[in-house]
Amino acid sequence: MKKNLSIVELQRSNWPGMLQQALGDNLISAFIHGDCLVEGFNALESPWTISFILRDNSTASIKPLQNLLREAKKENIEFRYFFTLKEIQTSEDVFPLEFLHIANRNVALAGAKPLPNYQPNVECLRLECERELRGLLIHLREAYIYLQQDRNPLGFFARANATLLPIMYGVYYLLHKTYPENHQQIFSAYPALRAPISSRNEKAFIESINSYIATVTEIVNQVDSMDAV
């Protein structure tokens, strides 16, 4: 089997039928989601992630997928999450950001489209975004202290944005009640979050990091001050 290099190839492959056959009537939805649907994804370097909504997600019910792991590894596919509709409903106060991403950035492979018409609990989403942002700030300040020892200073932005951007989609939703189409919408709203092209100008580079951390701090305070809905 060859690696699928695009969503269309994956949809036209044997995988939709294989997943349906393995899970049978227990399958409600098998869908692609996550970083593999974000701009810049390279199917040669990173895996396609597939998750499931099932009627029963007990270990016995998902065990048939173990028979597909060898083929999945060859084609750079990873099985990620196994939900039931009841679990989603009872976990919505804990994982609203994750469900927001799934609902707005997915491609159904087998069964129904996941989480149609999903709208998060705004206060739960606000709390999760605030919690994640405050955790990130702790690590940003630590990274700043050790910046001079970093052989790849630009990596500061790559590592930070890998964590920050998914959270910012939730923040954007809180502010505009719509899910952003891409990273550019985030960067347009917060230019200081965009990584500089080079770190050769040390003074300008340090200023960009200071501005980055200050902007994240402002965003945390903004989210913290939002009225509960």
C-alpha atoms as a PDB file:
ATOM      1  CA  MET A   1       0.000   0.000   0.000  1.00  0.00           C
ATOM      2  CA  LYS A   2       1.184   3.520  -0.751  1.00  0.00           C
ATOM      3  CA  LYS A   3       0.902   6.609   1.379  1.00  0.00           C
ATOM      4  CA  ASN A   4      -2.090   8.812   0.662  1.00  0.00           C
ATOM      5  CA  LEU A   5      -0.790  12.287  -0.082  1.00  0.00           C
ATOM      6  CA  SER A   6      -4.110  14.128  -0.145  1.00  0.00           C
ATOM      7  CA  ILE A   7      -7.566  14.050   1.393  1.00  0.00           C
ATOM      8  CA  VAL A   8      -9.067  13.063  -1.952  1.00  0.00           C
ATOM      9  CA  GLU A   9      -6.718  10.074  -2.238  1.00  0.00           C
ATOM     10  CA  LEU A  10      -7.658   8.988   1.260  1.00  0.00           C
ATOM     11  CA  GLN A  11     -11.367   9.319   0.520  1.00  0.00           C
ATOM     12  CA  ARG A  12     -10.970   7.270  -2.673  1.00  0.00           C
ATOM     13  CA  SER A  13      -8.840   4.619  -0.985  1.00  0.00           C
ATOM     14  CA  ASN A  14      -9.979   1.398   0.652  1.00  0.00           C
ATOM     15  CA  TRP A  15     -10.041   3.012   4.078  1.00  0.00           C
ATOM     16  CA  PRO A  16     -13.684   4.124   4.223  1.00  0.00           C
ATOM     17  CA  GLY A  17     -14.809   0.577   3.458  1.00  0.00           C
ATOM     18  CA  MET A  18     -12.221  -1.002   5.745  1.00  0.00           C
ATOM     19  CA  LEU A  19     -13.303   1.123   8.696  1.00  0.00           C
ATOM     20  CA  GLN A  20     -16.976   0.477   8.056  1.00  0.00           C
ATOM     21  CA  GLN A  21     -16.374  -3.252   7.773  1.00  0.00           C
ATOM     22  CA  ALA A  22     -14.253  -3.374  10.925  1.00  0.00           C
ATOM     23  CA  LEU A  23     -16.737  -1.494  13.100  1.00  0.00           C
ATOM     24  CA  GLY A  24     -20.034  -2.388  11.431  1.00  0.00           C
ATOM     25  CA  ASP A  25     -23.215  -0.940  12.886  1.00  0.00           C
ATOM     26  CA  ASN A  26     -21.258   0.360  15.871  1.00  0.00           C
ATOM     27  CA  LEU A  27     -19.795   3.128  13.704  1.00  0.00           C
ATOM     28  CA  ILE A  28     -21.506   6.508  13.698  1.00  0.00           C
ATOM     29  CA  SER A  29     -18.651   8.525  12.235  1.00  0.00           C
ATOM     30  CA  ALA A  30     -15.017   7.993  11.232  1.00  0.00           C
ATOM     31  CA  PHE A  31     -13.362  11.275  10.360  1.00  0.00           C
ATOM     32  CA  ILE A  32     -10.058  12.962   9.608  1.00  0.00           C
ATOM     33  CA  HIS A  33      -9.212  15.912  11.841  1.00  0.00           C
ATOM     34  CA  GLY A  34      -6.409  17.749  13.586  1.00  0.00           C
ATOM     35  CA  ASP A  35      -3.149  19.111  12.219  1.00  0.00           C
ATOM     36  CA  CYS A  36      -3.482  17.140   8.983  1.00  0.00           C
ATOM     37  CA  LEU A  37      -6.235  19.557   7.939  1.00  0.00           C
ATOM     38  CA  VAL A  38      -4.208  22.672   8.775  1.00  0.00           C
ATOM     39  CA  GLU A  39      -2.260  24.702   6.225  1.00  0.00           C
ATOM     40  CA  GLY A  40       1.310  23.503   5.816  1.00  0.00           C
ATOM     41  CA  PHE A  41       0.578  19.834   6.508  1.00  0.00           C
ATOM     42  CA  ASN A  42       2.979  17.428   4.783  1.00  0.00           C
ATOM     43  CA  ALA A  43       1.672  13.865   4.470  1.00  0.00           C
ATOM     44  CA  LEU A  44       5.214  12.559   3.972  1.00  0.00           C
ATOM     45  CA  GLU A  45       6.315  13.851   7.366  1.00  0.00           C
ATOM     46  CA  SER A  46       3.226  13.807   9.587  1.00  0.00           C
ATOM     47  CA  PRO A  47       0.375  11.316  10.022  1.00  0.00           C
ATOM     48  CA  TRP A  48      -3.239  11.471   8.987  1.00  0.00           C
ATOM     49  CA  THR A  49      -5.279  11.329  12.198  1.00  0.00           C
ATOM     50  CA  ILE A  50      -8.616   9.529  12.218  1.00  0.00           C
ATOM     51  CA  SER A  51     -11.037   9.544  15.133  1.00  0.00           C
ATOM     52  CA  PHE A  52     -14.374   7.873  15.736  1.00  0.00           C
ATOM     53  CA  ILE A  53     -17.827   8.424  17.180  1.00  0.00           C
ATOM     54  CA  LEU A  54     -19.257   5.048  18.152  1.00  0.00           C
ATOM     55  CA  ARG A  55     -22.352   3.647  19.770  1.00  0.00           C
ATOM     56  CA  ASP A  56     -20.086   1.663  22.082  1.00  0.00           C
ATOM     57  CA  ASN A  57     -16.424   2.519  22.676  1.00  0.00           C
ATOM     58  CA  SER A  58     -15.575  -0.324  25.026  1.00  0.00           C
ATOM     59  CA  THR A  59     -12.258  -2.060  24.448  1.00  0.00           C
ATOM     60  CA  ALA A  60     -14.048  -5.061  22.984  1.00  0.00           C
ATOM     61  CA  SER A  61     -15.864  -2.832  20.489  1.00  0.00           C
ATOM     62  CA  ILE A  62     -12.767  -1.024  19.214  1.00  0.00           C
ATOM     63  CA  LYS A  63     -10.533  -4.110  19.193  1.00  0.00           C
ATOM     64  CA  PRO A  64     -11.275  -4.921  15.498  1.00  0.00           C
ATOM     65  CA  LEU A  65      -9.256  -1.839  14.537  1.00  0.00           C
ATOM     66  CA  GLN A  66      -6.125  -3.588  15.793  1.00  0.00           C
ATOM     67  CA  ASN A  67      -6.296  -5.740  12.674  1.00  0.00           C
ATOM     68  CA  LEU A  68      -5.813  -2.590  10.574  1.00  0.00           C
ATOM     69  CA  LEU A  69      -2.794  -1.192  12.405  1.00  0.00           C
ATOM     70  CA  ARG A  70      -0.192  -2.696  10.078  1.00  0.00           C
ATOM     71  CA  GLU A  71      -1.848  -1.181   7.009  1.00  0.00           C
ATOM     72  CA  ALA A  72      -2.387   2.089   8.859  1.00  0.00           C
ATOM     73  CA  LYS A  73       1.297   2.350   9.725  1.00  0.00           C
ATOM     74  CA  LYS A  74       2.297   1.749   6.105  1.00  0.00           C
ATOM     75  CA  GLU A  75       0.041   4.584   4.983  1.00  0.00           C
ATOM     76  CA  ASN A  76       1.002   6.943   7.805  1.00  0.00           C
ATOM     77  CA  ILE A  77      -2.429   6.820   9.443  1.00  0.00           C
ATOM     78  CA  GLU A  78      -3.027   7.044  13.184  1.00  0.00           C
ATOM     79  CA  PHE A  79      -6.226   6.252  15.054  1.00  0.00           C
ATOM     80  CA  ARG A  80      -6.730   8.917  17.709  1.00  0.00           C
ATOM     81  CA  TYR A  81      -9.975   9.302  19.696  1.00  0.00           C
ATOM     82  CA  PHE A  82     -12.977   7.050  20.342  1.00  0.00           C
ATOM     83  CA  PHE A  83     -16.080   8.893  21.546  1.00  0.00           C
ATOM     84  CA  THR A  84     -19.703   8.032  22.115  1.00  0.00           C
ATOM     85  CA  LEU A  85     -22.368  10.691  21.700  1.00  0.00           C
ATOM     86  CA  LYS A  86     -23.099  10.490  25.426  1.00  0.00           C
ATOM     87  CA  GLU A  87     -19.430  11.041  26.280  1.00  0.00           C
ATOM     88  CA  ILE A  88     -19.334  14.115  24.076  1.00  0.00           C
ATOM     89  CA  GLN A  89     -22.415  15.518  25.782  1.00  0.00           C
ATOM     90  CA  THR A  90     -21.089  14.874  29.291  1.00  0.00           C
ATOM     91  CA  SER A  91     -17.551  16.094  28.469  1.00  0.00           C
ATOM     92  CA  GLU A  92     -18.579  19.309  26.751  1.00  0.00           C
ATOM     93  CA  ASP A  93     -17.796  21.309  29.893  1.00  0.00           C
ATOM     94  CA  VAL A  94     -14.261  19.867  29.951  1.00  0.00           C
ATOM     95  CA  PHE A  95     -13.227  19.780  26.268  1.00  0.00           C
ATOM     96  CA  PRO A  96     -15.217  22.499  24.458  1.00  0.00           C
ATOM     97  CA  LEU A  97     -12.155  23.713  22.553  1.00  0.00           C
ATOM     98  CA  GLU A  98     -11.327  20.244  21.268  1.00  0.00           C
ATOM     99  CA  PHE A  99     -14.914  19.650  20.167  1.00  0.00           C
ATOM    100  CA  LEU A 100     -14.999  23.093  18.526  1.00  0.00           C
ATOM    101  CA  HIS A 101     -11.989  22.107  16.406  1.00  0.00           C
ATOM    102  CA  ILE A 102     -13.485  18.744  15.481  1.00  0.00           C
ATOM    103  CA  ALA A 103     -16.842  20.261  14.543  1.00  0.00           C
ATOM    104  CA  ASN A 104     -15.299  22.908  12.299  1.00  0.00           C
ATOM    105  CA  ARG A 105     -12.289  21.129  10.824  1.00  0.00           C
ATOM    106  CA  ASN A 106     -13.059  17.578   9.773  1.00  0.00           C
ATOM    107  CA  VAL A 107     -13.523  15.328   6.769  1.00  0.00           C
ATOM    108  CA  ALA A 108     -15.852  12.352   7.184  1.00  0.00           C
ATOM    109  CA  LEU A 109     -14.407   9.090   5.858  1.00  0.00           C
ATOM    110  CA  ALA A 110     -17.206   6.728   6.846  1.00  0.00           C
ATOM    111  CA  GLY A 111     -20.585   7.308   8.415  1.00  0.00           C
ATOM    112  CA  ALA A 112     -21.990  10.728   9.245  1.00  0.00           C
ATOM    113  CA  LYS A 113     -20.269  14.074   9.574  1.00  0.00           C
ATOM    114  CA  PRO A 114     -19.171  14.538  13.209  1.00  0.00           C
ATOM    115  CA  LEU A 115     -20.787  17.096  15.506  1.00  0.00           C
ATOM    116  CA  PRO A 116     -23.021  18.894  12.982  1.00  0.00           C
ATOM    117  CA  ASN A 117     -24.316  22.275  14.185  1.00  0.00           C
ATOM    118  CA  TYR A 118     -22.129  22.087  17.291  1.00  0.00           C
ATOM    119  CA  GLN A 119     -22.088  25.218  19.456  1.00  0.00           C
ATOM    120  CA  PRO A 120     -19.848  25.196  22.533  1.00  0.00           C
ATOM    121  CA  ASN A 121     -20.828  26.357  25.976  1.00  0.00           C
ATOM    122  CA  VAL A 122     -19.228  29.798  25.818  1.00  0.00           C
ATOM    123  CA  GLU A 123     -18.316  30.022  29.492  1.00  0.00           C
ATOM    124  CA  CYS A 124     -16.726  26.560  29.456  1.00  0.00           C
ATOM    125  CA  LEU A 125     -14.796  27.517  26.318  1.00  0.00           C
ATOM    126  CA  ARG A 126     -13.632  30.739  27.948  1.00  0.00           C
ATOM    127  CA  LEU A 127     -12.388  28.870  31.012  1.00  0.00           C
ATOM    128  CA  GLU A 128     -10.511  26.287  28.953  1.00  0.00           C
ATOM    129  CA  CYS A 129      -8.881  28.964  26.783  1.00  0.00           C
ATOM    130  CA  GLU A 130      -7.843  30.943  29.857  1.00  0.00           C
ATOM    131  CA  ARG A 131      -6.414  27.857  31.549  1.00  0.00           C
ATOM    132  CA  GLU A 132      -4.423  26.843  28.465  1.00  0.00           C
ATOM    133  CA  LEU A 133      -3.142  30.390  27.883  1.00  0.00           C
ATOM    134  CA  ARG A 134      -1.974  30.784  31.473  1.00  0.00           C
ATOM    135  CA  GLY A 135      -0.155  27.472  31.249  1.00  0.00           C
ATOM    136  CA  LEU A 136       1.532  28.581  28.035  1.00  0.00           C
ATOM    137  CA  LEU A 137       2.663  31.861  29.612  1.00  0.00           C
ATOM    138  CA  ILE A 138       4.482  29.942  32.335  1.00  0.00           C
ATOM    139  CA  HIS A 139       6.511  28.085  29.718  1.00  0.00           C
ATOM    140  CA  LEU A 140       7.082  31.179  27.557  1.00  0.00           C
ATOM    141  CA  ARG A 141       8.782  33.023  30.405  1.00  0.00           C
ATOM    142  CA  GLU A 142      10.918  29.984  31.155  1.00  0.00           C
ATOM    143  CA  ALA A 143      11.921  29.735  27.487  1.00  0.00           C
ATOM    144  CA  TYR A 144      12.794  33.440  27.463  1.00  0.00           C
ATOM    145  CA  ILE A 145      15.282  33.009  30.316  1.00  0.00           C
ATOM    146  CA  TYR A 146      17.134  30.265  28.434  1.00  0.00           C
ATOM    147  CA  LEU A 147      16.928  31.950  25.035  1.00  0.00           C
ATOM    148  CA  GLN A 148      20.653  32.745  24.809  1.00  0.00           C
ATOM    149  CA  GLN A 149      21.451  29.043  25.161  1.00  0.00           C
ATOM    150  CA  ASP A 150      19.092  28.085  22.328  1.00  0.00           C
ATOM    151  CA  ARG A 151      20.953  27.135  19.148  1.00  0.00           C
ATOM    152  CA  ASN A 152      17.811  27.825  17.141  1.00  0.00           C
ATOM    153  CA  PRO A 153      16.243  31.002  18.574  1.00  0.00           C
ATOM    154  CA  LEU A 154      13.515  31.055  15.919  1.00  0.00           C
ATOM    155  CA  GLY A 155      12.348  27.776  17.382  1.00  0.00           C
ATOM    156  CA  PHE A 156      10.853  29.838  20.206  1.00  0.00           C
ATOM    157  CA  PHE A 157       8.078  30.983  17.881  1.00  0.00           C
ATOM    158  CA  ALA A 158       7.557  27.590  16.241  1.00  0.00           C
ATOM    159  CA  ARG A 159       7.162  25.845  19.586  1.00  0.00           C
ATOM    160  CA  ALA A 160       5.027  28.600  21.086  1.00  0.00           C
ATOM    161  CA  ASN A 161       2.665  28.880  18.119  1.00  0.00           C
ATOM    162  CA  ALA A 162       2.233  25.114  17.922  1.00  0.00           C
ATOM    163  CA  THR A 163       0.531  25.424  21.307  1.00  0.00           C
ATOM    164  CA  LEU A 164      -0.932  28.914  21.004  1.00  0.00           C
ATOM    165  CA  LEU A 165      -2.662  28.843  17.621  1.00  0.00           C
ATOM    166  CA  PRO A 166      -5.165  26.075  18.460  1.00  0.00           C
ATOM    167  CA  ILE A 167      -6.114  28.044  21.580  1.00  0.00           C
ATOM    168  CA  MET A 168      -6.428  31.255  19.572  1.00  0.00           C
ATOM    169  CA  TYR A 169      -9.081  29.664  17.379  1.00  0.00           C
ATOM    170  CA  GLY A 170     -11.142  29.347  20.541  1.00  0.00           C
ATOM    171  CA  VAL A 171     -10.381  32.934  21.555  1.00  0.00           C
ATOM    172  CA  TYR A 172     -11.363  34.128  18.087  1.00  0.00           C
ATOM    173  CA  TYR A 173     -14.637  32.237  18.400  1.00  0.00           C
ATOM    174  CA  LEU A 174     -15.319  33.843  21.775  1.00  0.00           C
ATOM    175  CA  LEU A 175     -14.802  37.301  20.286  1.00  0.00           C
ATOM    176  CA  HIS A 176     -16.531  36.872  16.934  1.00  0.00           C
ATOM    177  CA  LYS A 177     -18.833  33.854  17.392  1.00  0.00           C
ATOM    178  CA  THR A 178     -17.336  32.324  14.269  1.00  0.00           C
ATOM    179  CA  TYR A 179     -14.525  29.830  13.684  1.00  0.00           C
ATOM    180  CA  PRO A 180     -11.547  31.349  11.818  1.00  0.00           C
ATOM    181  CA  GLU A 181     -10.810  30.022   8.352  1.00  0.00           C
ATOM    182  CA  ASN A 182      -7.034  29.889   8.781  1.00  0.00           C
ATOM    183  CA  HIS A 183      -4.016  31.102  10.749  1.00  0.00           C
ATOM    184  CA  GLN A 184      -3.904  34.300   8.711  1.00  0.00           C
ATOM    185  CA  GLN A 185      -7.058  35.543  10.424  1.00  0.00           C
ATOM    186  CA  ILE A 186      -5.339  35.084  13.776  1.00  0.00           C
ATOM    187  CA  PHE A 187      -2.160  36.840  12.651  1.00  0.00           C
ATOM    188  CA  SER A 188      -4.155  39.695  11.139  1.00  0.00           C
ATOM    189  CA  ALA A 189      -5.862  40.254  14.476  1.00  0.00           C
ATOM    190  CA  TYR A 190      -2.626  39.834  16.467  1.00  0.00           C
ATOM    191  CA  PRO A 191       0.402  40.730  14.272  1.00  0.00           C
ATOM    192  CA  ALA A 192       2.841  40.294  17.169  1.00  0.00           C
ATOM    193  CA  LEU A 193       2.190  36.544  17.133  1.00  0.00           C
ATOM    194  CA  ARG A 194       3.752  36.168  13.695  1.00  0.00           C
ATOM    195  CA  ALA A 195       7.317  34.833  13.780  1.00  0.00           C
ATOM    196  CA  PRO A 196      10.075  37.112  12.439  1.00  0.00           C
ATOM    197  CA  ILE A 197      11.891  36.013   9.310  1.00  0.00           C
ATOM    198  CA  SER A 198      15.339  36.098  10.885  1.00  0.00           C
ATOM    199  CA  SER A 199      17.064  36.322  14.266  1.00  0.00           C
ATOM    200  CA  ARG A 200      20.205  38.024  12.917  1.00  0.00           C
ATOM    201  CA  ASN A 201      19.228  41.431  14.271  1.00  0.00           C
ATOM    202  CA  GLU A 202      19.447  40.470  17.916  1.00  0.00           C
ATOM    203  CA  LYS A 203      17.853  43.638  19.281  1.00  0.00           C
ATOM    204  CA  ALA A 204      14.866  43.446  16.924  1.00  0.00           C
ATOM    205  CA  PHE A 205      14.515  39.718  17.586  1.00  0.00           C
ATOM    206  CA  ILE A 206      14.427  40.161  21.366  1.00  0.00           C
ATOM    207  CA  GLU A 207      11.900  42.961  20.945  1.00  0.00           C
ATOM    208  CA  SER A 208       9.701  40.636  18.891  1.00  0.00           C
ATOM    209  CA  ILE A 209       9.802  38.024  21.665  1.00  0.00           C
ATOM    210  CA  ASN A 210       9.001  40.652  24.296  1.00  0.00           C
ATOM    211  CA  SER A 211       6.081  41.796  22.160  1.00  0.00           C
ATOM    212  CA  TYR A 212       4.929  38.191  21.702  1.00  0.00           C
ATOM    213  CA  ILE A 213       4.858  37.478  25.432  1.00  0.00           C
ATOM    214  CA  ALA A 214       3.220  40.841  26.163  1.00  0.00           C
ATOM    215  CA  THR A 215       0.529  40.121  23.560  1.00  0.00           C
ATOM    216  CA  VAL A 216      -0.220  36.686  25.009  1.00  0.00           C
ATOM    217  CA  THR A 217      -0.472  38.322  28.437  1.00  0.00           C
ATOM    218  CA  GLU A 218      -2.959  40.856  27.065  1.00  0.00           C
ATOM    219  CA  ILE A 219      -4.989  38.067  25.477  1.00  0.00           C
ATOM    220  CA  VAL A 220      -5.110  36.181  28.793  1.00  0.00           C
ATOM    221  CA  ASN A 221      -6.370  39.296  30.557  1.00  0.00           C
ATOM    222  CA  GLN A 222      -8.910  39.880  27.790  1.00  0.00           C
ATOM    223  CA  VAL A 223     -10.256  36.332  28.077  1.00  0.00           C
ATOM    224  CA  ASP A 224     -10.281  36.555  31.875  1.00  0.00           C
ATOM    225  CA  SER A 225     -12.360  39.738  31.773  1.00  0.00           C
ATOM    226  CA  MET A 226     -15.006  38.405  29.388  1.00  0.00           C
ATOM    227  CA  ASP A 227     -18.486  38.372  30.838  1.00  0.00           C
ATOM    228  CA  ALA A 228     -19.880  34.952  31.654  1.00  0.00           C
ATOM    229  CA  VAL A 229     -22.683  33.899  29.324  1.00  0.00           C
END
